[in-house]
Amino acid sequence: MPTPDQQYPQTWLVLPAAGVGSRMQADRPKQYLEMTVKGITKTVIEFTLDHLLSYQTNHIFHKVVVVVTKGDPYWQDISRARGYDKDERIIVVDGGSERCYSVLNALLAISAVESSKDAWVAVHDVARPCLSYDDLDNLFSALKNYSDGGILATPARDTMKRGALSDGSYIDHTVDRDQLWHALTPQMFPLESLLKNLQLALSESFEVTDEASAMEFSGAKPKLVSGRSDNLKITRPEDLKLAEFYLNSTS
C-alpha cells in the first residue's frame, strides 16, 4: 500500500452512475440492485463507493465525484439514508445522455474548483464493485512518472472471433489475440489532458467508448497495467451473482 511520504499528484475519483443498465432487464438501473456480502445487503453503488472511500485513508483520492441522473430518486434515498449527502469527500454532478458526457460533466466540475495544474483523475465504472486495492496500488505506481496515463486491463485469453453481418450472426474470421486486452477501470489521466482530449474527440464526432479512447484520438499512448480478471463489470443478470460470489470469497 502506498505510504503518505510517497508524492502522488492530487487525484480525483469519478464514478459515472447515470446509466440505465438495460441489459440487466431489471426494474431499476443496475447500480441500484442489491447484493448480500458477508451478511450485509447493500446496492451495487454502495459497495463500490464504500470500498473506494475506505481507500481514502491512504490519502490517494482527493474527492469522489458521483455522476447521477438529475433528480435520481434512488440515489437521493440512498444518499440521505447512508449520509453520503453530508460527506465532504463526495461531490454529486448531473449525468449526461451517454457515459462520455457524464464523465465530461464531472471533469468540468472538477476543473472549476481545482487549482493545481498537476491534478489527475481516475474514472471507475460504478458497476465494478470487485476492484482490489492491490490493483489500485499497481495503477498508481505504474503511472507515477508517465504523463500519458493508463488503464487497468487484462490480456485476452479466449479465442477471439470477428462476426459478419450487422448482427454478427456468423464468423467472418478469427482475430489474433496476442496483442488484445480487455479494458477495465479505473482509467487514470492528467485532468487537463483528459478534459481537453475528450472535448476534442466529441467535437469531431469521434465515438468515445472509454477515457483511453479519447486520449488515443489525440495521439497519446496510455499504459496498459495488468489487473485482476475478477474486476468484472456488472452488465447482465448473471454478473450480479458472480460479483456477489467474488466479494464473499475475499478475506
Protein backbone atom coordinates (compact mmCIF):
# COMPACT_ATOMS: atom_id res chain seq x y z
CA MET A 1 0.00 0.00 0.00
CA PRO A 2 1.37 3.46 -0.82
CA THR A 3 2.68 5.35 2.19
CA PRO A 4 1.95 9.03 2.94
CA ASP A 5 5.53 10.05 2.14
CA GLN A 6 5.16 8.96 -1.49
CA GLN A 7 4.42 12.08 -3.53
CA TYR A 8 1.47 11.37 -5.79
CA PRO A 9 -0.30 14.16 -7.66
CA GLN A 10 -3.68 15.20 -6.33
CA THR A 11 -6.13 12.71 -7.81
CA TRP A 12 -9.91 12.94 -8.09
CA LEU A 13 -12.07 9.83 -8.47
CA VAL A 14 -15.05 9.92 -10.87
CA LEU A 15 -17.84 7.33 -10.60
CA PRO A 16 -20.26 7.55 -13.56
CA ALA A 17 -23.60 6.25 -12.29
CA ALA A 18 -26.18 7.73 -14.64
CA GLY A 19 -26.69 4.65 -16.85
CA VAL A 20 -29.97 2.76 -17.09
CA GLY A 21 -28.43 -0.71 -17.46
CA SER A 22 -30.99 -2.00 -19.98
CA ARG A 23 -29.21 -5.35 -20.43
CA MET A 24 -29.90 -6.24 -16.79
CA GLN A 25 -33.64 -6.49 -17.59
CA ALA A 26 -34.39 -5.20 -14.09
CA ASP A 27 -36.91 -2.75 -12.69
CA ARG A 28 -34.18 -0.24 -11.87
CA PRO A 29 -30.69 0.74 -13.02
CA LYS A 30 -28.09 -1.93 -12.22
CA GLN A 31 -26.21 0.28 -9.77
CA TYR A 32 -29.25 0.16 -7.50
CA LEU A 33 -29.67 -3.61 -7.48
CA GLU A 34 -28.87 -5.30 -4.18
CA MET A 35 -26.16 -7.79 -3.26
CA THR A 36 -25.57 -9.57 0.03
CA VAL A 37 -21.92 -9.86 1.01
CA LYS A 38 -20.90 -11.45 4.30
CA GLY A 39 -24.36 -10.89 5.70
CA ILE A 40 -24.59 -7.23 4.65
CA THR A 41 -27.10 -6.24 1.97
CA LYS A 42 -26.45 -3.06 0.02
CA THR A 43 -26.80 -1.80 -3.52
CA VAL A 44 -24.01 -2.10 -6.06
CA ILE A 45 -23.27 1.63 -5.90
CA GLU A 46 -22.94 1.45 -2.13
CA PHE A 47 -20.49 -1.46 -2.26
CA THR A 48 -18.36 0.34 -4.86
CA LEU A 49 -18.47 3.72 -3.16
CA ASP A 50 -17.84 2.40 0.35
CA HIS A 51 -14.93 0.30 -0.88
CA LEU A 52 -13.27 3.26 -2.57
CA LEU A 53 -13.96 5.63 0.31
CA SER A 54 -12.09 3.17 2.53
CA TYR A 55 -9.10 3.54 0.21
CA GLN A 56 -9.25 7.23 1.05
CA THR A 57 -7.40 6.53 4.29
CA ASN A 58 -4.22 6.25 2.24
CA HIS A 59 -4.57 9.87 1.10
CA ILE A 60 -4.70 8.90 -2.57
CA PHE A 61 -8.06 10.24 -3.77
CA HIS A 62 -8.74 13.91 -3.07
CA LYS A 63 -12.51 13.70 -3.53
CA VAL A 64 -15.05 11.38 -5.16
CA VAL A 65 -17.35 12.75 -7.86
CA VAL A 66 -20.52 10.68 -8.21
CA VAL A 67 -22.32 11.33 -11.51
CA VAL A 68 -26.05 10.52 -11.43
CA THR A 69 -29.12 11.36 -13.45
CA LYS A 70 -30.57 14.69 -12.34
CA GLY A 71 -33.23 14.08 -9.70
CA ASP A 72 -32.43 10.36 -9.47
CA PRO A 73 -34.78 9.17 -6.68
CA TYR A 74 -32.78 6.01 -5.94
CA TRP A 75 -29.60 7.97 -5.31
CA GLN A 76 -31.42 10.60 -3.26
CA ASP A 77 -32.90 7.95 -0.94
CA ILE A 78 -29.59 6.11 -0.55
CA SER A 79 -27.62 9.31 -0.09
CA ARG A 80 -29.85 10.51 2.75
CA ALA A 81 -30.04 7.09 4.41
CA ARG A 82 -26.28 6.50 4.31
CA GLY A 83 -25.20 10.08 4.99
CA TYR A 84 -23.44 10.47 1.67
CA ASP A 85 -25.16 13.84 1.30
CA LYS A 86 -23.23 15.08 4.34
CA ASP A 87 -19.87 13.52 3.45
CA GLU A 88 -17.47 16.29 2.41
CA ARG A 89 -15.43 13.82 0.36
CA ILE A 90 -18.35 13.29 -2.06
CA ILE A 91 -19.44 15.70 -4.79
CA VAL A 92 -22.54 14.93 -6.90
CA VAL A 93 -22.74 16.01 -10.55
CA ASP A 94 -25.59 15.62 -13.04
CA GLY A 95 -25.05 12.97 -15.69
CA GLY A 96 -25.30 13.30 -19.45
CA SER A 97 -27.10 11.42 -22.19
CA GLU A 98 -24.18 8.98 -22.54
CA ARG A 99 -21.32 7.89 -20.31
CA CYS A 100 -18.79 10.10 -22.11
CA TYR A 101 -20.92 13.17 -21.43
CA SER A 102 -21.31 12.19 -17.79
CA VAL A 103 -17.54 11.99 -17.50
CA LEU A 104 -17.23 15.33 -19.29
CA ASN A 105 -19.63 16.94 -16.80
CA ALA A 106 -17.53 15.58 -13.94
CA LEU A 107 -14.28 16.86 -15.45
CA LEU A 108 -15.77 20.32 -15.99
CA ALA A 109 -16.99 20.40 -12.39
CA ILE A 110 -13.56 19.38 -11.11
CA SER A 111 -11.68 21.87 -13.29
CA ALA A 112 -13.92 24.67 -11.98
CA VAL A 113 -12.60 24.17 -8.44
CA GLU A 114 -9.20 22.51 -8.94
CA SER A 115 -6.33 24.96 -8.84
CA SER A 116 -3.46 22.54 -9.38
CA LYS A 117 -2.18 22.15 -12.94
CA ASP A 118 -0.79 18.75 -11.94
CA ALA A 119 -4.06 17.16 -10.77
CA TRP A 120 -5.09 13.77 -12.10
CA VAL A 121 -8.43 12.00 -12.40
CA ALA A 122 -9.31 8.31 -12.16
CA VAL A 123 -12.58 7.18 -13.73
CA HIS A 124 -14.08 3.94 -12.43
CA ASP A 125 -17.23 2.12 -13.50
CA VAL A 126 -19.65 2.14 -10.58
CA ALA A 127 -20.76 -1.35 -11.67
CA ARG A 128 -17.30 -2.76 -10.87
CA PRO A 129 -17.52 -3.35 -7.10
CA CYS A 130 -14.78 -6.02 -7.03
CA LEU A 131 -11.81 -3.73 -7.69
CA SER A 132 -8.88 -4.75 -5.49
CA TYR A 133 -6.70 -2.34 -3.55
CA ASP A 134 -3.64 -4.14 -4.95
CA ASP A 135 -4.73 -3.23 -8.47
CA LEU A 136 -5.19 0.38 -7.40
CA ASP A 137 -1.73 0.41 -5.85
CA ASN A 138 -0.21 -1.02 -9.03
CA LEU A 139 -2.00 1.51 -11.22
CA PHE A 140 -0.76 4.45 -9.16
CA SER A 141 2.77 3.08 -9.10
CA ALA A 142 2.88 2.35 -12.85
CA LEU A 143 1.70 5.84 -13.81
CA LYS A 144 3.69 7.86 -11.31
CA ASN A 145 6.13 9.11 -13.95
CA TYR A 146 4.09 8.52 -17.11
CA SER A 147 2.24 11.59 -18.36
CA ASP A 148 0.02 9.80 -20.89
CA GLY A 149 -1.79 7.95 -18.11
CA GLY A 150 -3.13 4.44 -18.39
CA ILE A 151 -5.73 1.87 -17.54
CA LEU A 152 -6.17 -1.43 -15.77
CA ALA A 153 -6.61 -4.22 -18.31
CA THR A 154 -6.38 -7.99 -18.68
CA PRO A 155 -4.89 -9.88 -21.64
CA ALA A 156 -7.46 -11.64 -23.84
CA ARG A 157 -7.46 -15.36 -23.05
CA ASP A 158 -10.26 -16.69 -25.19
CA THR A 159 -10.16 -17.27 -28.93
CA MET A 160 -11.48 -14.07 -30.50
CA LYS A 161 -13.88 -14.10 -33.47
CA ARG A 162 -14.98 -11.26 -35.70
CA GLY A 163 -18.63 -11.57 -36.67
CA ALA A 164 -20.02 -10.93 -40.13
CA LEU A 165 -23.24 -9.10 -41.00
CA SER A 166 -24.57 -6.28 -38.84
CA ASP A 167 -25.71 -8.63 -36.08
CA GLY A 168 -22.55 -10.74 -36.12
CA SER A 169 -24.61 -13.87 -36.67
CA TYR A 170 -21.75 -15.90 -38.15
CA ILE A 171 -17.95 -15.87 -38.04
CA ASP A 172 -16.07 -13.80 -40.58
CA HIS A 173 -12.62 -14.72 -39.26
CA THR A 174 -10.59 -15.44 -36.14
CA VAL A 175 -8.72 -12.49 -34.64
CA ASP A 176 -5.15 -12.79 -33.36
CA ARG A 177 -5.48 -12.35 -29.60
CA ASP A 178 -1.76 -11.92 -28.82
CA GLN A 179 -1.99 -8.12 -28.60
CA LEU A 180 -5.59 -7.88 -27.40
CA TRP A 181 -6.52 -6.68 -23.93
CA HIS A 182 -9.84 -6.30 -22.12
CA ALA A 183 -10.08 -2.70 -20.91
CA LEU A 184 -11.03 -2.36 -17.25
CA THR A 185 -11.27 0.57 -14.87
CA PRO A 186 -10.06 2.71 -13.24
CA GLN A 187 -8.64 4.64 -16.17
CA MET A 188 -6.35 7.39 -14.92
CA PHE A 189 -5.03 10.51 -16.65
CA PRO A 190 -3.91 14.09 -16.00
CA LEU A 191 -7.06 16.14 -15.54
CA GLU A 192 -6.21 18.86 -18.07
CA SER A 193 -5.19 16.36 -20.76
CA LEU A 194 -8.25 14.18 -20.38
CA LEU A 195 -10.63 17.15 -20.41
CA LYS A 196 -9.00 18.69 -23.49
CA ASN A 197 -8.82 15.42 -25.41
CA LEU A 198 -12.34 14.35 -24.52
CA GLN A 199 -13.74 17.69 -25.66
CA LEU A 200 -11.76 17.44 -28.90
CA ALA A 201 -12.90 13.89 -29.64
CA LEU A 202 -16.56 14.73 -29.01
CA SER A 203 -16.35 17.92 -31.09
CA GLU A 204 -15.19 15.82 -34.03
CA SER A 205 -17.94 13.20 -33.51
CA PHE A 206 -15.45 10.51 -32.57
CA GLU A 207 -17.07 7.56 -30.79
CA VAL A 208 -15.63 7.73 -27.28
CA THR A 209 -16.04 4.27 -25.77
CA ASP A 210 -13.82 4.95 -22.76
CA GLU A 211 -11.45 7.63 -21.47
CA ALA A 212 -8.43 5.92 -23.03
CA SER A 213 -10.03 6.13 -26.48
CA ALA A 214 -10.31 9.91 -26.13
CA MET A 215 -6.63 10.10 -25.21
CA GLU A 216 -5.68 7.80 -28.09
CA PHE A 217 -7.62 10.02 -30.50
CA SER A 218 -5.17 12.81 -29.79
CA GLY A 219 -2.10 10.60 -30.16
CA ALA A 220 -1.44 9.71 -26.53
CA LYS A 221 -0.19 6.22 -25.65
CA PRO A 222 -1.93 5.19 -22.42
CA LYS A 223 -0.16 2.47 -20.49
CA LEU A 224 -1.71 -0.97 -20.02
CA VAL A 225 -1.44 -2.06 -16.38
CA SER A 226 -2.29 -5.70 -15.83
CA GLY A 227 -5.20 -6.11 -13.42
CA ARG A 228 -7.24 -8.90 -11.90
CA SER A 229 -9.82 -10.64 -14.06
CA ASP A 230 -12.35 -10.63 -11.22
CA ASN A 231 -12.68 -6.84 -11.63
CA LEU A 232 -15.80 -7.59 -13.65
CA LYS A 233 -18.42 -5.11 -14.80
CA ILE A 234 -21.97 -6.00 -13.83
CA THR A 235 -23.83 -5.87 -17.13
CA ARG A 236 -26.06 -8.95 -17.31
CA PRO A 237 -28.15 -10.71 -14.63
CA GLU A 238 -25.57 -13.48 -14.15
CA ASP A 239 -22.85 -10.90 -13.45
CA LEU A 240 -24.59 -9.77 -10.27
CA LYS A 241 -24.36 -13.24 -8.73
CA LEU A 242 -20.77 -13.63 -9.88
CA ALA A 243 -19.76 -10.32 -8.30
CA GLU A 244 -21.53 -11.34 -5.12
CA PHE A 245 -19.59 -14.63 -5.16
CA TYR A 246 -16.23 -12.87 -5.65
CA LEU A 247 -16.92 -10.40 -2.83
CA ASN A 248 -17.99 -13.17 -0.47
CA SER A 249 -14.79 -15.05 -1.30
CA THR A 250 -12.41 -12.25 -0.30
CA SER A 251 -10.84 -12.20 3.14
